[in-house]
Amino acid sequence: MLVVFGFALLVLAVAVVVLFAMIGELAARVPAAETGAGWVRPTDEARLGSVPEVWPPELAHAPDRDTYVLLVLSTVCNSCKAVAAQLVDGQADWDGVGIVVSTASRRNGDDFVAERRLGGFVSYVDESGSWSREQLGVESSPTAVVLRRGRVVAAYAFSDLALLRSEVDDRSRPSEAKEAV
């Protein structure tokens, strides 16, 4: 009996060590939280250069726009809730923006739009995130996908809409105008 107890205790000790090692590995893979000001980082997650083959009716106008930005937000993402608040608070009064709400169910997406007061924005509830994953190549949020005439030209992970807009506007200017600045 004492041998069984000793063996069980040894297994438990090894399990605890493995658990802490796994937590340490996970912490090493997750980027440190940004502090202070917001941030914008290019991401290679999206299928740059591609044109979605299928457009949801809510976003059917996107390929007709010179520049259009799709904000991929998730109903379970705290950063996405903060971005939604920035949209509503008018911190980024931006005409060429559509919202893709990635969610497990239509009801969760509709609730997110209603609770976050996003009804005034063009939005598409993407059940299971399948459209954003299959057509844009995006699997994380918040992500901004920049389209030119429907073609994916850039993608950004971000936390601040004003910084994102500045980045997109800077890249949208013709190169002669950039040189003159």
Protein backbone atom coordinates (compact mmCIF):
# COMPACT_ATOMS: atom_id res chain seq x y z
CA MET A 1 0.00 0.00 0.00
CA LEU A 2 2.84 2.38 0.84
CA VAL A 3 4.43 1.66 -2.55
CA VAL A 4 1.19 2.51 -4.37
CA PHE A 5 0.87 5.75 -2.40
CA GLY A 6 4.50 6.66 -3.17
CA PHE A 7 4.02 5.92 -6.86
CA ALA A 8 0.82 8.00 -6.99
CA LEU A 9 2.62 10.87 -5.28
CA LEU A 10 5.48 10.65 -7.80
CA VAL A 11 3.03 10.72 -10.73
CA LEU A 12 1.27 13.72 -9.22
CA ALA A 13 4.57 15.58 -8.76
CA VAL A 14 5.59 14.88 -12.37
CA ALA A 15 2.16 16.07 -13.58
CA VAL A 16 2.54 19.35 -11.69
CA VAL A 17 6.01 19.92 -13.16
CA VAL A 18 4.71 19.20 -16.68
CA LEU A 19 1.75 21.51 -16.13
CA PHE A 20 3.99 24.39 -15.08
CA ALA A 21 6.27 23.74 -18.05
CA MET A 22 3.28 23.88 -20.39
CA ILE A 23 2.09 27.13 -18.84
CA GLY A 24 5.57 28.59 -19.27
CA GLU A 25 5.65 27.54 -22.92
CA LEU A 26 2.22 29.05 -23.52
CA ALA A 27 3.29 32.31 -21.87
CA ALA A 28 6.34 32.43 -24.14
CA ARG A 29 4.12 32.11 -27.23
CA VAL A 30 1.61 34.80 -26.25
CA PRO A 31 2.88 38.32 -26.94
CA ALA A 32 3.19 40.62 -23.96
CA ALA A 33 0.25 42.90 -23.44
CA GLU A 34 0.71 46.31 -24.94
CA THR A 35 0.62 49.06 -22.37
CA GLY A 36 -0.18 52.70 -22.77
CA ALA A 37 -0.95 53.85 -26.28
CA GLY A 38 -2.63 51.68 -28.87
CA TRP A 39 -0.78 49.81 -31.57
CA VAL A 40 -1.06 48.67 -35.20
CA ARG A 41 1.05 45.87 -36.68
CA PRO A 42 0.99 44.47 -40.20
CA THR A 43 0.06 40.80 -40.27
CA ASP A 44 0.67 38.26 -43.01
CA GLU A 45 -2.35 36.25 -41.90
CA ALA A 46 -4.63 37.46 -44.73
CA ARG A 47 -4.38 36.26 -48.32
CA LEU A 48 -2.70 39.34 -49.78
CA GLY A 49 -3.46 39.86 -53.46
CA SER A 50 -6.55 37.68 -53.43
CA VAL A 51 -10.10 38.68 -54.31
CA PRO A 52 -12.86 36.94 -52.36
CA GLU A 53 -14.87 34.68 -54.66
CA VAL A 54 -18.03 35.06 -52.58
CA TRP A 55 -19.34 38.22 -50.92
CA PRO A 56 -22.11 38.25 -48.31
CA PRO A 57 -25.01 40.53 -49.37
CA GLU A 58 -24.14 42.97 -46.56
CA LEU A 59 -20.65 43.46 -48.03
CA ALA A 60 -21.51 43.22 -51.73
CA HIS A 61 -20.62 46.92 -52.20
CA ALA A 62 -17.02 46.45 -50.97
CA PRO A 63 -15.50 45.50 -54.37
CA ASP A 64 -16.90 48.72 -55.85
CA ARG A 65 -14.99 50.95 -53.43
CA ASP A 66 -11.51 52.27 -54.19
CA THR A 67 -10.45 51.54 -50.61
CA TYR A 68 -12.52 49.63 -48.08
CA VAL A 69 -11.53 48.32 -44.66
CA LEU A 70 -13.12 45.26 -43.10
CA LEU A 71 -12.74 45.06 -39.33
CA VAL A 72 -12.88 41.42 -38.27
CA LEU A 73 -14.12 41.35 -34.69
CA SER A 74 -15.08 38.43 -32.46
CA THR A 75 -17.86 38.21 -29.91
CA VAL A 76 -15.49 36.61 -27.37
CA CYS A 77 -12.60 39.06 -27.72
CA ASN A 78 -12.11 41.84 -25.16
CA SER A 79 -9.95 43.85 -27.57
CA CYS A 80 -12.78 43.62 -30.10
CA LYS A 81 -15.20 45.07 -27.56
CA ALA A 82 -12.81 47.98 -27.04
CA VAL A 83 -12.59 48.52 -30.81
CA ALA A 84 -16.40 48.48 -31.03
CA ALA A 85 -16.51 51.15 -28.31
CA GLN A 86 -14.04 53.28 -30.29
CA LEU A 87 -16.27 53.01 -33.36
CA VAL A 88 -19.36 54.05 -31.45
CA ASP A 89 -17.62 56.83 -29.55
CA GLY A 90 -16.70 58.40 -32.87
CA GLN A 91 -12.98 58.07 -32.29
CA ALA A 92 -12.74 56.89 -35.88
CA ASP A 93 -15.51 58.46 -37.95
CA TRP A 94 -14.71 56.43 -41.02
CA ASP A 95 -16.97 56.03 -44.03
CA GLY A 96 -15.15 53.18 -45.81
CA VAL A 97 -15.42 50.61 -43.02
CA GLY A 98 -17.39 47.39 -42.71
CA ILE A 99 -17.54 45.06 -39.75
CA VAL A 100 -17.31 41.27 -39.89
CA VAL A 101 -18.46 39.77 -36.60
CA SER A 102 -16.95 36.32 -36.23
CA THR A 103 -19.08 34.25 -33.86
CA ALA A 104 -20.30 30.79 -32.98
CA SER A 105 -23.95 31.59 -33.70
CA ARG A 106 -26.03 34.16 -35.54
CA ARG A 107 -27.75 35.14 -32.29
CA ASN A 108 -24.41 35.87 -30.55
CA GLY A 109 -23.38 38.05 -33.50
CA ASP A 110 -26.67 39.93 -33.58
CA ASP A 111 -26.46 40.45 -29.81
CA PHE A 112 -22.88 41.75 -30.15
CA VAL A 113 -23.96 44.28 -32.78
CA ALA A 114 -26.96 45.38 -30.68
CA GLU A 115 -25.15 45.52 -27.32
CA ARG A 116 -22.17 47.39 -28.79
CA ARG A 117 -24.52 49.78 -30.69
CA LEU A 118 -22.95 48.94 -34.07
CA GLY A 119 -26.26 49.06 -35.96
CA GLY A 120 -25.21 52.22 -37.80
CA PHE A 121 -22.29 50.41 -39.46
CA VAL A 122 -22.33 47.96 -42.32
CA SER A 123 -21.90 44.63 -40.59
CA TYR A 124 -21.94 40.96 -41.46
CA VAL A 125 -22.35 38.20 -38.86
CA ASP A 126 -19.93 35.47 -39.89
CA GLU A 127 -21.12 32.28 -38.19
CA SER A 128 -18.14 30.11 -37.20
CA GLY A 129 -15.83 32.64 -38.86
CA SER A 130 -15.99 30.61 -42.07
CA TRP A 131 -16.26 33.52 -44.54
CA SER A 132 -13.38 35.51 -43.05
CA ARG A 133 -11.25 32.36 -42.84
CA GLU A 134 -12.06 30.95 -46.30
CA GLN A 135 -12.28 34.18 -48.31
CA LEU A 136 -9.84 36.47 -46.49
CA GLY A 137 -7.53 34.02 -44.73
CA VAL A 138 -8.15 35.71 -41.37
CA GLU A 139 -8.45 33.61 -38.23
CA SER A 140 -7.75 36.12 -35.45
CA SER A 141 -9.28 39.32 -34.21
CA PRO A 142 -9.25 42.22 -34.14
CA THR A 143 -7.85 42.29 -37.65
CA ALA A 144 -8.31 44.99 -40.28
CA VAL A 145 -8.28 43.85 -43.90
CA VAL A 146 -7.68 46.62 -46.44
CA LEU A 147 -9.30 46.10 -49.84
CA ARG A 148 -8.76 48.03 -53.06
CA ARG A 149 -11.52 47.35 -55.57
CA GLY A 150 -12.16 44.09 -53.70
CA ARG A 151 -8.54 42.88 -53.68
CA VAL A 152 -6.85 42.25 -50.31
CA VAL A 153 -3.85 44.62 -50.24
CA ALA A 154 -2.96 44.73 -46.53
CA ALA A 155 -3.93 43.37 -43.14
CA TYR A 156 -3.24 44.65 -39.64
CA ALA A 157 -3.60 43.43 -36.09
CA PHE A 158 -4.54 46.50 -34.06
CA SER A 159 -5.94 47.93 -30.85
CA ASP A 160 -6.59 51.56 -31.81
CA LEU A 161 -8.83 52.71 -34.66
CA ALA A 162 -7.30 56.18 -34.96
CA LEU A 163 -3.83 54.67 -35.42
CA LEU A 164 -5.21 52.11 -37.87
CA ARG A 165 -6.90 54.83 -39.91
CA SER A 166 -3.70 56.85 -39.98
CA GLU A 167 -1.77 53.80 -41.22
CA VAL A 168 -4.36 52.99 -43.90
CA ASP A 169 -4.62 56.64 -45.01
CA ASP A 170 -0.82 56.94 -45.23
CA ARG A 171 -0.63 53.83 -47.41
CA SER A 172 -3.56 54.96 -49.55
CA ARG A 173 -1.94 58.19 -50.65
CA PRO A 174 -0.29 58.17 -54.08
CA SER A 175 3.49 57.84 -53.84
CA GLU A 176 4.05 61.37 -55.22
CA ALA A 177 2.01 62.81 -52.38
CA LYS A 178 3.97 60.77 -49.84
CA GLU A 179 7.24 62.15 -51.18
CA ALA A 180 5.96 65.71 -51.01
CA VAL A 181 5.06 65.37 -47.32
